[in-house]
Amino acid sequence: MLRSIDHLYLIVSTGKDINLQEKDSALSSVEKLIEFPNWNKVIDIWRSVSKFKGKCFPSKEEYLEASLKETSLKQIVQDLWKEREVIEVTEKQHVDKESTVCGGHKFKDKRNELKQSIMRKIDRKSMYRNSDQRLEEDKVLKFRMTCYRSGNHCVTSQEVACSLGGKLQEKFNWIVDLVNHDLEVVTNIREDLVYLGISLTPDSLHRRNIINFGPTTLRATVCYNLLRLASPNPGDIILDPLCGGGSIPVEGAMALPGCYNMAGDIHPMAISRAFENIQNMRCERKGYIDLSHWDVTNLPLRNACVDIIVTDLPFGKRSGSKQNNQNLYQKAMLEIGRCIVPSGRAVCLTWDRANLTRTIRAYGSLWSIVRIATINLGGLQATAYVLKRGLESLDTILEKLQKRKRRK
């Protein structure tokens, strides 16, 4: 139910004021973190969450036996993977041949569907699980060491992970597995502060309602936080005029059952993607979304018909450009200003702060900035603008803008 959280970690040890400017000293200081925690208690907590039934503290003999079994399993998976690749190439050649005979375009969609179907089958984790015939009680704990680091340090994340991972393996006879691991041990380094913890969430919690991801699809957790910034009330109509794959309206329908969501986009592929994601929702939630094919600069909506607007504007990175954004932002912000009620709230996410700030200022009393929040999207520093619609009518605002232009 933690809709704004990607991962949960159990922090088991911390180190403050650690010298991370000299390599040997830094690694030695970080390695000491694994000596302090009560690992029996830590693993008991993790087992209660993960339901792992295998051996958490195996003997050396059990470790060696399990290592041989893991090597054998990985070889079986590798052989199966090669067979899948042969099937994929053969099927692709067959479809390409049909496409050539029939003109090509007619079978484009069929080729894409076949490719997606094959990619679903090529899943190493599924192959591994299906090939492993051991009882759960006979398995030895497999782990992965991960390091996240920010700031300037003399050691890299990989060096920290290798050093700590080696110490943990020596201490507990755990098997290192970067893909099919049971336990993930995580180190966070922030300047001179170090946290050591274990992950309680094997997969990110944002993977809960989207099945068809596009090149710019937002995480469900980011969508939820954008919706929270808009402070919706029960009964509000929420509009996303640039919905892309529909991640914002889908999250809105799931998290805010008292609200109604309207969404649309100009790109046919985006509409198709959004429709598939909406169809994947639980049946009782589908009725909370209306999806349309439209142009954000000319919305087929009445004046002042929506209460809240939450949207992800084109960044000008993967889609669009800063030059295109200048024109698009001006037209889009004017059009959504027409559709939203006076004093309505809008949350706009963008990387192109300059163009959006310039647009807001150009329209005077149409929009006022309530809050600006910075969001890290995979290393890209995006910004969420929380805006409030002015009380003046759009005609009055446009008339003032015309007078200002004539004066200039």
Protein backbone atom coordinates (compact mmCIF):
# COMPACT_ATOMS: atom_id res chain seq x y z
CA MET A 1 0.00 0.00 0.00
CA LEU A 2 3.08 2.30 -0.02
CA ARG A 3 2.32 3.80 -3.41
CA SER A 4 5.10 6.41 -3.31
CA ILE A 5 7.90 3.95 -2.44
CA ASP A 6 10.13 2.14 -4.95
CA HIS A 7 12.09 0.01 -2.48
CA LEU A 8 12.17 -0.77 1.23
CA TYR A 9 15.47 -1.42 3.00
CA LEU A 10 16.29 -2.65 6.47
CA ILE A 11 19.25 -0.54 7.67
CA VAL A 12 21.51 -2.77 9.72
CA SER A 13 24.64 -0.65 10.20
CA THR A 14 25.83 2.93 9.69
CA GLY A 15 29.19 4.66 9.66
CA LYS A 16 29.64 8.41 10.11
CA ASP A 17 32.63 10.64 9.37
CA ILE A 18 34.37 7.87 7.44
CA ASN A 19 37.46 8.94 5.49
CA LEU A 20 36.69 8.05 1.88
CA GLN A 21 39.57 9.97 0.31
CA GLU A 22 42.25 7.25 0.67
CA LYS A 23 41.46 3.94 -1.03
CA ASP A 24 42.81 1.31 1.36
CA SER A 25 41.59 3.18 4.42
CA ALA A 26 38.16 3.73 2.87
CA LEU A 27 37.63 0.06 1.98
CA SER A 28 38.86 -1.05 5.40
CA SER A 29 36.44 1.33 7.15
CA VAL A 30 33.50 0.24 5.03
CA GLU A 31 34.27 -3.46 5.57
CA LYS A 32 33.98 -2.97 9.34
CA LEU A 33 30.27 -2.27 8.89
CA ILE A 34 29.52 -5.97 8.44
CA GLU A 35 31.10 -6.83 11.80
CA PHE A 36 28.60 -4.90 13.94
CA PRO A 37 25.09 -6.07 13.04
CA ASN A 38 23.38 -8.99 14.75
CA TRP A 39 23.13 -10.95 11.50
CA ASN A 40 20.94 -13.69 13.02
CA LYS A 41 18.30 -11.09 13.81
CA VAL A 42 18.74 -9.38 10.45
CA ILE A 43 18.28 -12.63 8.53
CA ASP A 44 15.28 -13.63 10.67
CA ILE A 45 13.56 -10.35 9.73
CA TRP A 46 14.42 -10.86 6.06
CA ARG A 47 13.15 -14.46 6.13
CA SER A 48 9.82 -13.36 7.60
CA VAL A 49 9.35 -11.09 4.58
CA SER A 50 10.89 -13.20 1.80
CA LYS A 51 9.60 -16.60 3.04
CA PHE A 52 12.99 -18.14 2.20
CA LYS A 53 13.14 -21.72 3.52
CA GLY A 54 16.69 -22.68 2.58
CA LYS A 55 19.99 -22.64 4.47
CA CYS A 56 20.96 -19.13 5.58
CA PHE A 57 24.21 -20.05 7.34
CA PRO A 58 25.56 -23.11 5.45
CA SER A 59 28.73 -25.02 6.27
CA LYS A 60 31.70 -25.00 3.92
CA GLU A 61 30.75 -28.44 2.58
CA GLU A 62 27.16 -27.34 1.91
CA TYR A 63 28.46 -24.25 0.15
CA LEU A 64 30.76 -26.25 -2.15
CA GLU A 65 28.00 -28.73 -3.01
CA ALA A 66 25.55 -25.90 -3.75
CA SER A 67 28.16 -24.10 -5.91
CA LEU A 68 28.55 -27.18 -8.11
CA LYS A 69 24.79 -27.44 -8.48
CA GLU A 70 24.52 -23.74 -9.41
CA THR A 71 27.19 -24.17 -12.09
CA SER A 72 25.27 -27.12 -13.55
CA LEU A 73 21.98 -25.18 -13.55
CA LYS A 74 23.52 -22.18 -15.27
CA GLN A 75 24.89 -24.43 -18.03
CA ILE A 76 21.42 -25.91 -18.57
CA VAL A 77 19.91 -22.41 -18.77
CA GLN A 78 22.63 -21.32 -21.21
CA ASP A 79 21.83 -24.27 -23.50
CA LEU A 80 18.09 -23.49 -23.36
CA TRP A 81 18.82 -19.85 -24.12
CA LYS A 82 20.76 -20.79 -27.26
CA GLU A 83 17.84 -22.96 -28.41
CA ARG A 84 15.46 -20.01 -27.93
CA GLU A 85 17.76 -17.78 -29.96
CA VAL A 86 17.72 -20.27 -32.85
CA ILE A 87 13.91 -20.38 -32.73
CA GLU A 88 13.72 -16.57 -32.65
CA VAL A 89 15.98 -16.20 -35.70
CA THR A 90 14.07 -18.89 -37.63
CA GLU A 91 10.69 -17.33 -36.86
CA LYS A 92 11.95 -13.86 -37.79
CA GLN A 93 13.28 -15.10 -41.14
CA HIS A 94 9.93 -16.78 -41.81
CA VAL A 95 7.97 -13.61 -41.04
CA ASP A 96 10.37 -11.44 -43.06
CA LYS A 97 9.87 -13.76 -46.02
CA GLU A 98 6.08 -13.45 -45.73
CA SER A 99 6.40 -9.68 -45.43
CA THR A 100 8.45 -9.51 -48.63
CA VAL A 101 5.95 -11.61 -50.56
CA CYS A 102 2.91 -9.66 -49.31
CA GLY A 103 4.33 -6.16 -49.57
CA GLY A 104 5.82 -5.74 -46.11
CA HIS A 105 3.51 -3.22 -44.45
CA LYS A 106 0.60 -5.58 -43.98
CA PHE A 107 2.59 -7.88 -41.70
CA LYS A 108 4.41 -5.20 -39.69
CA ASP A 109 2.04 -5.51 -36.74
CA LYS A 110 2.21 -9.29 -36.88
CA ARG A 111 6.02 -9.16 -36.74
CA ASN A 112 5.92 -6.91 -33.69
CA GLU A 113 3.45 -9.21 -31.94
CA LEU A 114 5.63 -12.23 -32.68
CA LYS A 115 8.72 -10.43 -31.39
CA GLN A 116 6.96 -9.51 -28.15
CA SER A 117 5.71 -13.08 -27.75
CA ILE A 118 9.21 -14.50 -28.18
CA MET A 119 10.72 -11.96 -25.79
CA ARG A 120 8.24 -13.00 -23.10
CA LYS A 121 9.36 -16.60 -23.47
CA ILE A 122 13.07 -15.73 -23.33
CA ASP A 123 13.26 -15.25 -19.62
CA ARG A 124 16.36 -16.58 -17.95
CA LYS A 125 14.83 -16.42 -14.48
CA SER A 126 11.89 -18.58 -15.54
CA MET A 127 14.25 -21.03 -17.18
CA TYR A 128 16.33 -21.16 -14.02
CA ARG A 129 13.33 -21.77 -11.76
CA ASN A 130 11.92 -24.45 -14.03
CA SER A 131 15.29 -26.24 -14.23
CA ASP A 132 15.91 -26.22 -10.47
CA GLN A 133 14.34 -29.39 -9.06
CA ARG A 134 15.78 -29.07 -5.53
CA LEU A 135 13.58 -28.79 -2.47
CA GLU A 136 13.35 -25.31 -1.00
CA GLU A 137 14.89 -26.54 2.26
CA ASP A 138 18.01 -27.82 0.45
CA LYS A 139 18.90 -24.55 -1.25
CA VAL A 140 21.76 -22.35 0.00
CA LEU A 141 21.20 -18.61 0.24
CA LYS A 142 22.35 -16.68 -2.83
CA PHE A 143 23.11 -12.97 -2.52
CA ARG A 144 24.12 -9.90 -4.47
CA MET A 145 26.06 -6.89 -3.18
CA THR A 146 25.01 -3.48 -4.55
CA CYS A 147 26.55 -0.07 -3.87
CA TYR A 148 24.91 3.31 -4.51
CA ARG A 149 27.21 6.29 -4.19
CA SER A 150 26.97 10.09 -4.52
CA GLY A 151 29.78 12.57 -4.08
CA ASN A 152 33.50 12.47 -4.85
CA HIS A 153 35.33 9.47 -3.40
CA CYS A 154 38.57 7.61 -4.05
CA VAL A 155 36.70 4.30 -4.45
CA THR A 156 34.16 3.28 -7.07
CA SER A 157 30.81 1.63 -6.42
CA GLN A 158 32.09 -1.58 -8.01
CA GLU A 159 35.16 -1.66 -5.74
CA VAL A 160 33.01 -1.23 -2.63
CA ALA A 161 30.57 -3.92 -3.77
CA CYS A 162 33.38 -6.40 -4.55
CA SER A 163 35.14 -5.76 -1.26
CA LEU A 164 32.04 -6.08 0.93
CA GLY A 165 30.65 -8.97 -1.11
CA GLY A 166 33.88 -10.93 -0.67
CA LYS A 167 33.86 -10.38 3.09
CA LEU A 168 30.23 -11.51 3.41
CA GLN A 169 30.91 -14.62 1.34
CA GLU A 170 33.88 -15.55 3.52
CA LYS A 171 31.90 -14.90 6.70
CA PHE A 172 28.67 -16.77 5.88
CA ASN A 173 29.45 -19.10 2.90
CA TRP A 174 26.76 -17.46 0.80
CA ILE A 175 26.73 -17.97 -2.97
CA VAL A 176 27.22 -14.89 -5.18
CA ASP A 177 24.56 -14.63 -7.89
CA LEU A 178 23.88 -11.28 -9.61
CA VAL A 179 20.70 -12.46 -11.35
CA ASN A 180 18.94 -15.25 -9.41
CA HIS A 181 19.79 -14.01 -5.93
CA ASP A 182 17.58 -14.45 -2.87
CA LEU A 183 19.05 -11.60 -0.82
CA GLU A 184 20.33 -8.19 -1.92
CA VAL A 185 22.73 -6.42 0.44
CA VAL A 186 22.93 -2.69 -0.27
CA THR A 187 25.49 -0.03 0.63
CA ASN A 188 24.61 3.66 0.33
CA ILE A 189 27.47 6.16 0.42
CA ARG A 190 26.53 9.82 0.82
CA GLU A 191 29.63 12.02 1.15
CA ASP A 192 31.19 10.72 4.41
CA LEU A 193 28.11 8.82 5.62
CA VAL A 194 27.68 5.09 4.84
CA TYR A 195 24.59 2.91 5.30
CA LEU A 196 24.57 -0.88 5.09
CA GLY A 197 21.21 -2.58 4.65
CA ILE A 198 19.26 -5.38 3.01
CA SER A 199 16.45 -5.04 0.52
CA LEU A 200 12.99 -6.15 1.66
CA THR A 201 11.50 -5.69 -1.82
CA PRO A 202 12.94 -8.04 -4.49
CA ASP A 203 11.33 -5.99 -7.27
CA SER A 204 10.60 -2.29 -7.38
CA LEU A 205 7.12 -1.48 -6.08
CA HIS A 206 6.51 0.82 -9.06
CA ARG A 207 5.95 -2.23 -11.27
CA ARG A 208 2.32 -2.66 -10.34
CA ASN A 209 -0.01 -1.47 -13.09
CA ILE A 210 1.87 -0.82 -16.37
CA ILE A 211 2.51 -3.67 -18.81
CA ASN A 212 3.38 -1.70 -21.97
CA PHE A 213 6.21 0.75 -21.31
CA GLY A 214 7.10 3.46 -23.81
CA PRO A 215 10.39 5.38 -24.16
CA THR A 216 9.26 8.06 -21.68
CA THR A 217 6.82 6.16 -19.44
CA LEU A 218 6.86 7.46 -15.86
CA ARG A 219 7.15 5.15 -12.89
CA ALA A 220 3.90 4.56 -11.03
CA THR A 221 5.54 5.92 -7.87
CA VAL A 222 6.42 9.20 -9.61
CA CYS A 223 2.87 9.45 -10.98
CA TYR A 224 1.42 8.97 -7.52
CA ASN A 225 3.58 11.73 -6.07
CA LEU A 226 2.63 14.10 -8.89
CA LEU A 227 -1.04 13.41 -8.13
CA ARG A 228 -0.44 14.07 -4.44
CA LEU A 229 1.15 17.42 -5.27
CA ALA A 230 -2.14 18.40 -6.91
CA SER A 231 -4.04 17.78 -3.61
CA PRO A 232 -7.10 16.12 -5.21
CA ASN A 233 -10.45 16.02 -3.43
CA PRO A 234 -13.15 13.35 -3.79
CA GLY A 235 -15.22 14.05 -6.87
CA ASP A 236 -12.52 15.97 -8.74
CA ILE A 237 -12.07 15.49 -12.49
CA ILE A 238 -8.37 15.00 -13.28
CA LEU A 239 -7.06 15.62 -16.80
CA ASP A 240 -3.81 14.43 -18.40
CA PRO A 241 -3.83 15.97 -21.90
CA LEU A 242 -0.44 14.41 -22.81
CA CYS A 243 -0.95 10.95 -21.35
CA GLY A 244 1.56 8.91 -23.40
CA GLY A 245 1.21 5.33 -22.14
CA GLY A 246 -1.40 6.37 -19.59
CA SER A 247 0.69 5.90 -16.45
CA ILE A 248 -0.71 9.01 -14.69
CA PRO A 249 -4.43 8.32 -15.28
CA VAL A 250 -3.97 4.61 -14.51
CA GLU A 251 -2.30 5.43 -11.19
CA GLY A 252 -4.99 8.05 -10.52
CA ALA A 253 -7.76 5.53 -11.06
CA MET A 254 -6.06 2.97 -8.82
CA ALA A 255 -5.08 5.34 -5.99
CA LEU A 256 -7.95 7.87 -6.06
CA PRO A 257 -11.22 5.96 -6.52
CA GLY A 258 -13.24 9.07 -5.62
CA CYS A 259 -11.92 10.98 -8.65
CA TYR A 260 -12.53 10.69 -12.39
CA ASN A 261 -9.65 10.70 -14.90
CA MET A 262 -9.61 12.01 -18.46
CA ALA A 263 -6.62 11.36 -20.72
CA GLY A 264 -5.54 11.70 -24.31
CA ASP A 265 -2.62 12.06 -26.69
CA ILE A 266 -1.96 12.97 -30.31
CA HIS A 267 0.25 9.98 -31.15
CA PRO A 268 -1.64 6.81 -32.23
CA MET A 269 1.00 4.51 -30.70
CA ALA A 270 0.65 6.30 -27.37
CA ILE A 271 -3.12 5.81 -27.45
CA SER A 272 -2.69 2.13 -28.27
CA ARG A 273 -0.21 1.74 -25.40
CA ALA A 274 -2.46 3.58 -22.96
CA PHE A 275 -5.47 1.49 -23.99
CA GLU A 276 -3.55 -1.73 -23.33
CA ASN A 277 -2.47 -0.50 -19.90
CA ILE A 278 -6.02 0.53 -19.02
CA GLN A 279 -7.35 -2.86 -20.11
CA ASN A 280 -4.83 -4.50 -17.78
CA MET A 281 -6.41 -2.79 -14.76
CA ARG A 282 -8.91 -4.43 -12.45
CA CYS A 283 -12.36 -4.28 -14.05
CA GLU A 284 -13.93 -2.05 -11.40
CA ARG A 285 -11.26 0.62 -11.99
CA LYS A 286 -11.53 0.88 -15.77
CA GLY A 287 -14.67 2.98 -15.47
CA TYR A 288 -12.70 5.77 -13.77
CA ILE A 289 -10.78 6.65 -16.99
CA ASP A 290 -11.87 8.19 -20.28
CA LEU A 291 -9.29 7.93 -23.10
CA SER A 292 -9.37 10.11 -26.24
CA HIS A 293 -7.27 10.82 -29.32
CA TRP A 294 -6.72 14.60 -29.42
CA ASP A 295 -4.34 17.51 -29.86
CA VAL A 296 -3.37 19.25 -26.61
CA THR A 297 -3.41 22.61 -28.40
CA ASN A 298 -7.07 22.14 -29.40
CA LEU A 299 -8.84 20.01 -26.81
CA PRO A 300 -12.45 18.93 -27.51
CA LEU A 301 -13.51 20.01 -24.00
CA ARG A 302 -15.76 22.71 -22.62
CA ASN A 303 -14.45 25.75 -20.78
CA ALA A 304 -13.75 25.19 -17.05
CA CYS A 305 -14.77 21.52 -17.10
CA VAL A 306 -11.88 19.92 -15.15
CA ASP A 307 -10.67 20.49 -11.59
CA ILE A 308 -7.06 19.27 -11.77
CA ILE A 309 -4.46 18.81 -14.50
CA VAL A 310 -1.48 16.48 -13.96
CA THR A 311 0.75 15.91 -16.97
CA ASP A 312 4.25 15.04 -18.10
CA LEU A 313 5.31 17.66 -20.67
CA PRO A 314 7.79 16.71 -23.43
CA PHE A 315 11.29 17.18 -22.03
CA GLY A 316 12.98 17.92 -25.34
CA LYS A 317 15.38 15.01 -24.74
CA ARG A 318 13.96 11.70 -25.97
CA SER A 319 10.90 13.37 -27.48
CA GLY A 320 10.61 16.84 -28.95
CA SER A 321 13.20 19.58 -28.71
CA LYS A 322 13.64 22.86 -26.88
CA GLN A 323 12.69 24.78 -30.02
CA ASN A 324 9.47 22.79 -30.42
CA ASN A 325 8.76 23.07 -26.70
CA GLN A 326 8.68 26.85 -26.85
CA ASN A 327 5.73 26.80 -29.24
CA LEU A 328 4.05 23.73 -27.72
CA TYR A 329 4.24 24.97 -24.11
CA GLN A 330 2.68 28.31 -25.04
CA LYS A 331 -0.27 26.74 -26.83
CA ALA A 332 -0.72 23.88 -24.33
CA MET A 333 -0.67 26.06 -21.20
CA LEU A 334 -3.20 28.43 -22.78
CA GLU A 335 -5.51 25.58 -23.79
CA ILE A 336 -5.45 23.77 -20.45
CA GLY A 337 -5.97 27.17 -18.80
CA ARG A 338 -9.22 27.34 -20.77
CA CYS A 339 -10.35 23.87 -19.69
CA ILE A 340 -9.56 24.12 -15.97
CA VAL A 341 -11.86 25.78 -13.43
CA PRO A 342 -10.81 29.09 -11.77
CA SER A 343 -8.50 28.34 -8.82
CA GLY A 344 -7.93 24.88 -10.29
CA ARG A 345 -4.61 23.15 -9.67
CA ALA A 346 -2.12 21.93 -12.25
CA VAL A 347 1.06 19.88 -11.83
CA CYS A 348 3.39 19.91 -14.84
CA LEU A 349 6.54 17.80 -14.96
CA THR A 350 9.33 18.95 -17.26
CA TRP A 351 13.08 19.06 -17.74
CA ASP A 352 12.84 22.21 -19.86
CA ARG A 353 12.44 24.69 -17.01
CA ALA A 354 13.37 27.73 -19.09
CA ASN A 355 10.56 27.36 -21.61
CA LEU A 356 7.89 26.56 -19.04
CA THR A 357 8.91 29.42 -16.72
CA ARG A 358 8.94 31.81 -19.67
CA THR A 359 5.48 30.64 -20.74
CA ILE A 360 3.98 31.03 -17.25
CA ARG A 361 5.34 34.55 -16.94
CA ALA A 362 4.13 35.51 -20.41
CA TYR A 363 0.51 34.70 -19.53
CA GLY A 364 0.49 36.92 -16.48
CA SER A 365 -2.42 36.15 -14.15
CA LEU A 366 -3.44 32.96 -15.98
CA TRP A 367 -1.09 30.84 -13.85
CA SER A 368 0.70 31.39 -10.55
CA ILE A 369 3.48 29.13 -9.24
CA VAL A 370 2.61 27.56 -5.87
CA ARG A 371 5.58 25.23 -5.53
CA ILE A 372 8.53 23.84 -7.44
CA ALA A 373 9.77 20.32 -6.65
CA THR A 374 12.88 18.65 -8.10
CA ILE A 375 12.63 14.99 -9.12
CA ASN A 376 15.52 12.70 -10.02
CA LEU A 377 14.43 10.53 -12.97
CA GLY A 378 17.27 8.08 -13.54
CA GLY A 379 19.91 10.79 -13.14
CA LEU A 380 17.90 13.41 -15.05
CA GLN A 381 16.93 16.34 -12.84
CA ALA A 382 13.32 17.05 -13.75
CA THR A 383 11.06 19.65 -12.14
CA ALA A 384 7.42 19.48 -11.09
CA TYR A 385 5.63 22.83 -11.20
CA VAL A 386 2.58 23.10 -8.96
CA LEU A 387 0.40 25.83 -10.48
CA LYS A 388 -2.84 27.56 -9.61
CA ARG A 389 -5.29 28.91 -12.18
CA GLY A 390 -6.14 32.58 -11.78
CA LEU A 391 -9.71 33.79 -11.18
CA GLU A 392 -9.91 35.98 -14.28
CA SER A 393 -11.63 34.64 -17.38
CA LEU A 394 -9.51 33.60 -20.32
CA ASP A 395 -11.02 36.36 -22.51
CA THR A 396 -9.99 39.01 -19.99
CA ILE A 397 -6.45 37.64 -19.78
CA LEU A 398 -6.10 37.49 -23.58
CA GLU A 399 -7.44 41.04 -23.87
CA LYS A 400 -4.77 42.24 -21.41
CA LEU A 401 -2.09 40.42 -23.37
CA GLN A 402 -3.21 42.10 -26.60
CA LYS A 403 -3.10 45.53 -24.95
CA ARG A 404 0.40 44.82 -23.66
CA LYS A 405 1.56 43.83 -27.16
CA ARG A 406 0.09 46.99 -28.71
CA ARG A 407 1.88 49.15 -26.13
CA LYS A 408 5.20 47.53 -27.04
